[in-house]
Amino acid sequence: MGAGPRLLALFRTLKPQADRCIYLYYTTLTAEIMLSTAEHDVIIEAIAAGNATAARRAVQENWENAAVRLSKSIAALGERGVW
């Protein structure tokens, strides 16, 4: 069962924007990579321990922190920056 043409069109519209944000994140946040790595370690440890609640919490924290980090880069470089 396929997702249908509307969902595929939406995906094709959003993917380039997501790729652009990922590129910006990885190229401008090198100073904070250790923070992100530490957050991922917490997620891995929670999963390894079988603690779904802690894993879910750690993932949520990582996503929220990543959003803050990314928004700082966008603010510094401009929404339509050369990135």
N, C-alpha and C. Protein backbone atom coordinates (compact mmCIF):
# COMPACT_ATOMS: atom_id res chain seq x y z
N MET A 1 0.85 -1.18 0.00
CA MET A 1 0.00 0.00 0.00
C MET A 1 0.89 1.24 0.00
N GLY A 2 0.73 2.07 -1.00
CA GLY A 2 1.55 3.27 -1.12
C GLY A 2 0.98 4.43 -0.33
N ALA A 3 1.78 5.44 -0.18
CA ALA A 3 1.36 6.61 0.58
C ALA A 3 0.47 7.54 -0.24
N GLY A 4 0.56 7.45 -1.53
CA GLY A 4 -0.27 8.29 -2.38
C GLY A 4 0.49 9.48 -2.90
N PRO A 5 -0.03 10.07 -3.97
CA PRO A 5 0.68 11.16 -4.63
C PRO A 5 0.79 12.43 -3.80
N ARG A 6 -0.19 12.73 -2.97
CA ARG A 6 -0.12 13.95 -2.15
C ARG A 6 1.01 13.88 -1.13
N LEU A 7 1.11 12.74 -0.47
CA LEU A 7 2.18 12.57 0.52
C LEU A 7 3.54 12.60 -0.14
N LEU A 8 3.65 11.98 -1.30
CA LEU A 8 4.91 11.99 -2.03
C LEU A 8 5.27 13.41 -2.46
N ALA A 9 4.31 14.18 -2.91
CA ALA A 9 4.56 15.57 -3.29
C ALA A 9 5.00 16.39 -2.08
N LEU A 10 4.37 16.17 -0.94
CA LEU A 10 4.76 16.87 0.29
C LEU A 10 6.19 16.52 0.67
N PHE A 11 6.52 15.24 0.62
CA PHE A 11 7.87 14.79 0.93
C PHE A 11 8.89 15.45 0.01
N ARG A 12 8.59 15.48 -1.28
CA ARG A 12 9.52 16.07 -2.25
C ARG A 12 9.68 17.57 -2.04
N THR A 13 8.69 18.21 -1.47
CA THR A 13 8.77 19.64 -1.17
C THR A 13 9.59 19.89 0.09
N LEU A 14 9.38 19.07 1.10
CA LEU A 14 10.03 19.30 2.40
C LEU A 14 11.46 18.78 2.46
N LYS A 15 11.77 17.72 1.75
CA LYS A 15 13.09 17.10 1.86
C LYS A 15 14.24 18.06 1.56
N PRO A 16 14.18 18.85 0.47
CA PRO A 16 15.30 19.78 0.23
C PRO A 16 15.49 20.79 1.36
N GLN A 17 14.40 21.23 1.97
CA GLN A 17 14.50 22.17 3.09
C GLN A 17 15.13 21.48 4.30
N ALA A 18 14.71 20.25 4.56
CA ALA A 18 15.29 19.50 5.68
C ALA A 18 16.77 19.25 5.43
N ASP A 19 17.14 18.90 4.20
CA ASP A 19 18.55 18.68 3.87
C ASP A 19 19.36 19.95 4.09
N ARG A 20 18.78 21.08 3.74
CA ARG A 20 19.45 22.37 3.92
C ARG A 20 19.71 22.66 5.40
N CYS A 21 18.71 22.37 6.23
CA CYS A 21 18.87 22.58 7.68
C CYS A 21 19.91 21.62 8.25
N ILE A 22 19.90 20.39 7.79
CA ILE A 22 20.90 19.41 8.26
C ILE A 22 22.30 19.88 7.89
N TYR A 23 22.46 20.35 6.66
CA TYR A 23 23.76 20.86 6.23
C TYR A 23 24.21 22.02 7.11
N LEU A 24 23.31 22.95 7.35
CA LEU A 24 23.63 24.10 8.20
C LEU A 24 24.01 23.64 9.59
N TYR A 25 23.24 22.71 10.14
CA TYR A 25 23.50 22.21 11.48
C TYR A 25 24.91 21.63 11.58
N TYR A 26 25.27 20.78 10.64
CA TYR A 26 26.56 20.10 10.71
C TYR A 26 27.74 21.01 10.40
N THR A 27 27.52 22.03 9.60
CA THR A 27 28.65 22.88 9.21
C THR A 27 28.87 24.08 10.11
N THR A 28 27.87 24.46 10.88
CA THR A 28 28.03 25.67 11.71
C THR A 28 28.11 25.37 13.20
N LEU A 29 27.80 24.18 13.59
CA LEU A 29 27.74 23.88 15.02
C LEU A 29 28.87 22.97 15.47
N THR A 30 30.00 23.07 14.82
CA THR A 30 31.12 22.20 15.17
C THR A 30 31.58 22.41 16.61
N ALA A 31 31.45 23.63 17.12
CA ALA A 31 31.86 23.90 18.50
C ALA A 31 30.97 23.20 19.51
N GLU A 32 29.75 22.87 19.11
CA GLU A 32 28.81 22.25 20.03
C GLU A 32 28.61 20.76 19.76
N ILE A 33 29.44 20.18 18.92
CA ILE A 33 29.26 18.78 18.55
C ILE A 33 29.40 17.86 19.76
N MET A 34 30.24 18.25 20.71
CA MET A 34 30.42 17.41 21.90
C MET A 34 29.14 17.37 22.74
N LEU A 35 28.40 18.48 22.78
CA LEU A 35 27.13 18.49 23.50
C LEU A 35 26.14 17.52 22.85
N SER A 36 26.07 17.58 21.53
CA SER A 36 25.17 16.70 20.81
C SER A 36 25.58 15.24 20.99
N THR A 37 26.87 14.98 20.92
CA THR A 37 27.37 13.62 21.11
C THR A 37 27.03 13.10 22.51
N ALA A 38 27.19 13.94 23.51
CA ALA A 38 26.85 13.54 24.87
C ALA A 38 25.36 13.23 25.00
N GLU A 39 24.52 14.03 24.32
CA GLU A 39 23.08 13.76 24.35
C GLU A 39 22.77 12.42 23.70
N HIS A 40 23.45 12.13 22.61
CA HIS A 40 23.24 10.83 21.96
C HIS A 40 23.71 9.68 22.84
N ASP A 41 24.79 9.89 23.57
CA ASP A 41 25.26 8.85 24.50
C ASP A 41 24.20 8.54 25.56
N VAL A 42 23.52 9.56 26.05
CA VAL A 42 22.46 9.36 27.05
C VAL A 42 21.33 8.53 26.44
N ILE A 43 20.99 8.83 25.19
CA ILE A 43 19.94 8.06 24.51
C ILE A 43 20.35 6.60 24.39
N ILE A 44 21.56 6.37 23.93
CA ILE A 44 22.06 5.00 23.75
C ILE A 44 22.09 4.25 25.07
N GLU A 45 22.55 4.90 26.12
CA GLU A 45 22.61 4.25 27.44
C GLU A 45 21.21 3.88 27.93
N ALA A 46 20.25 4.76 27.73
CA ALA A 46 18.88 4.47 28.16
C ALA A 46 18.30 3.29 27.39
N ILE A 47 18.55 3.26 26.09
CA ILE A 47 18.07 2.14 25.28
C ILE A 47 18.74 0.84 25.71
N ALA A 48 20.05 0.89 25.91
CA ALA A 48 20.79 -0.30 26.33
C ALA A 48 20.29 -0.82 27.67
N ALA A 49 19.87 0.08 28.54
CA ALA A 49 19.36 -0.31 29.85
C ALA A 49 17.90 -0.76 29.79
N GLY A 50 17.29 -0.61 28.62
CA GLY A 50 15.89 -1.00 28.47
C GLY A 50 14.93 -0.02 29.12
N ASN A 51 15.37 1.20 29.32
CA ASN A 51 14.55 2.21 29.98
C ASN A 51 13.90 3.11 28.92
N ALA A 52 12.71 2.72 28.49
CA ALA A 52 12.02 3.45 27.42
C ALA A 52 11.68 4.88 27.83
N THR A 53 11.30 5.07 29.08
CA THR A 53 10.94 6.40 29.55
C THR A 53 12.13 7.34 29.49
N ALA A 54 13.27 6.87 29.97
CA ALA A 54 14.48 7.69 29.94
C ALA A 54 14.94 7.95 28.51
N ALA A 55 14.80 6.95 27.64
CA ALA A 55 15.20 7.11 26.24
C ALA A 55 14.31 8.15 25.57
N ARG A 56 13.03 8.05 25.80
CA ARG A 56 12.08 9.01 25.21
C ARG A 56 12.40 10.43 25.70
N ARG A 57 12.66 10.56 26.97
CA ARG A 57 12.98 11.87 27.55
C ARG A 57 14.28 12.41 26.96
N ALA A 58 15.28 11.54 26.81
CA ALA A 58 16.57 11.97 26.26
C ALA A 58 16.44 12.37 24.80
N VAL A 59 15.63 11.65 24.03
CA VAL A 59 15.41 12.02 22.63
C VAL A 59 14.72 13.37 22.55
N GLN A 60 13.70 13.57 23.37
CA GLN A 60 12.98 14.84 23.37
C GLN A 60 13.93 15.99 23.72
N GLU A 61 14.76 15.79 24.72
CA GLU A 61 15.72 16.82 25.13
C GLU A 61 16.71 17.10 23.99
N ASN A 62 17.18 16.06 23.34
CA ASN A 62 18.11 16.23 22.22
C ASN A 62 17.47 17.04 21.09
N TRP A 63 16.24 16.72 20.75
CA TRP A 63 15.55 17.44 19.67
C TRP A 63 15.33 18.89 20.05
N GLU A 64 14.93 19.14 21.28
CA GLU A 64 14.71 20.52 21.72
C GLU A 64 16.01 21.31 21.72
N ASN A 65 17.08 20.70 22.22
CA ASN A 65 18.38 21.37 22.23
C ASN A 65 18.90 21.60 20.81
N ALA A 66 18.68 20.62 19.93
CA ALA A 66 19.12 20.77 18.54
C ALA A 66 18.36 21.92 17.87
N ALA A 67 17.09 22.05 18.17
CA ALA A 67 16.30 23.15 17.60
C ALA A 67 16.84 24.49 18.06
N VAL A 68 17.22 24.59 19.32
CA VAL A 68 17.79 25.83 19.84
C VAL A 68 19.12 26.12 19.15
N ARG A 69 19.95 25.10 19.03
CA ARG A 69 21.25 25.28 18.38
C ARG A 69 21.07 25.71 16.92
N LEU A 70 20.17 25.05 16.21
CA LEU A 70 19.94 25.37 14.81
C LEU A 70 19.36 26.78 14.66
N SER A 71 18.44 27.16 15.53
CA SER A 71 17.85 28.50 15.42
C SER A 71 18.89 29.58 15.65
N LYS A 72 19.88 29.32 16.49
CA LYS A 72 20.96 30.29 16.69
C LYS A 72 21.77 30.47 15.40
N SER A 73 22.03 29.37 14.71
CA SER A 73 22.77 29.46 13.45
C SER A 73 21.97 30.20 12.39
N ILE A 74 20.69 29.92 12.30
CA ILE A 74 19.84 30.60 11.33
C ILE A 74 19.78 32.09 11.65
N ALA A 75 19.68 32.43 12.93
CA ALA A 75 19.65 33.84 13.32
C ALA A 75 20.96 34.54 12.96
N ALA A 76 22.07 33.84 13.14
CA ALA A 76 23.37 34.44 12.86
C ALA A 76 23.63 34.58 11.36
N LEU A 77 23.18 33.62 10.57
CA LEU A 77 23.48 33.62 9.14
C LEU A 77 22.35 34.15 8.27
N GLY A 78 21.20 34.28 8.87
CA GLY A 78 20.04 34.74 8.12
C GLY A 78 19.25 33.57 7.56
N GLU A 79 17.96 33.75 7.52
CA GLU A 79 17.08 32.67 7.05
C GLU A 79 17.36 32.30 5.60
N ARG A 80 17.75 33.28 4.82
CA ARG A 80 18.05 33.02 3.42
C ARG A 80 19.55 33.15 3.16
N GLY A 81 20.32 32.77 4.16
CA GLY A 81 21.78 32.87 4.06
C GLY A 81 22.34 32.01 2.93
N VAL A 82 23.56 32.21 2.64
CA VAL A 82 24.23 31.44 1.61
C VAL A 82 24.73 30.14 2.23
N TRP A 83 23.80 29.32 2.55
CA TRP A 83 24.10 28.04 3.15
C TRP A 83 23.17 27.05 2.55
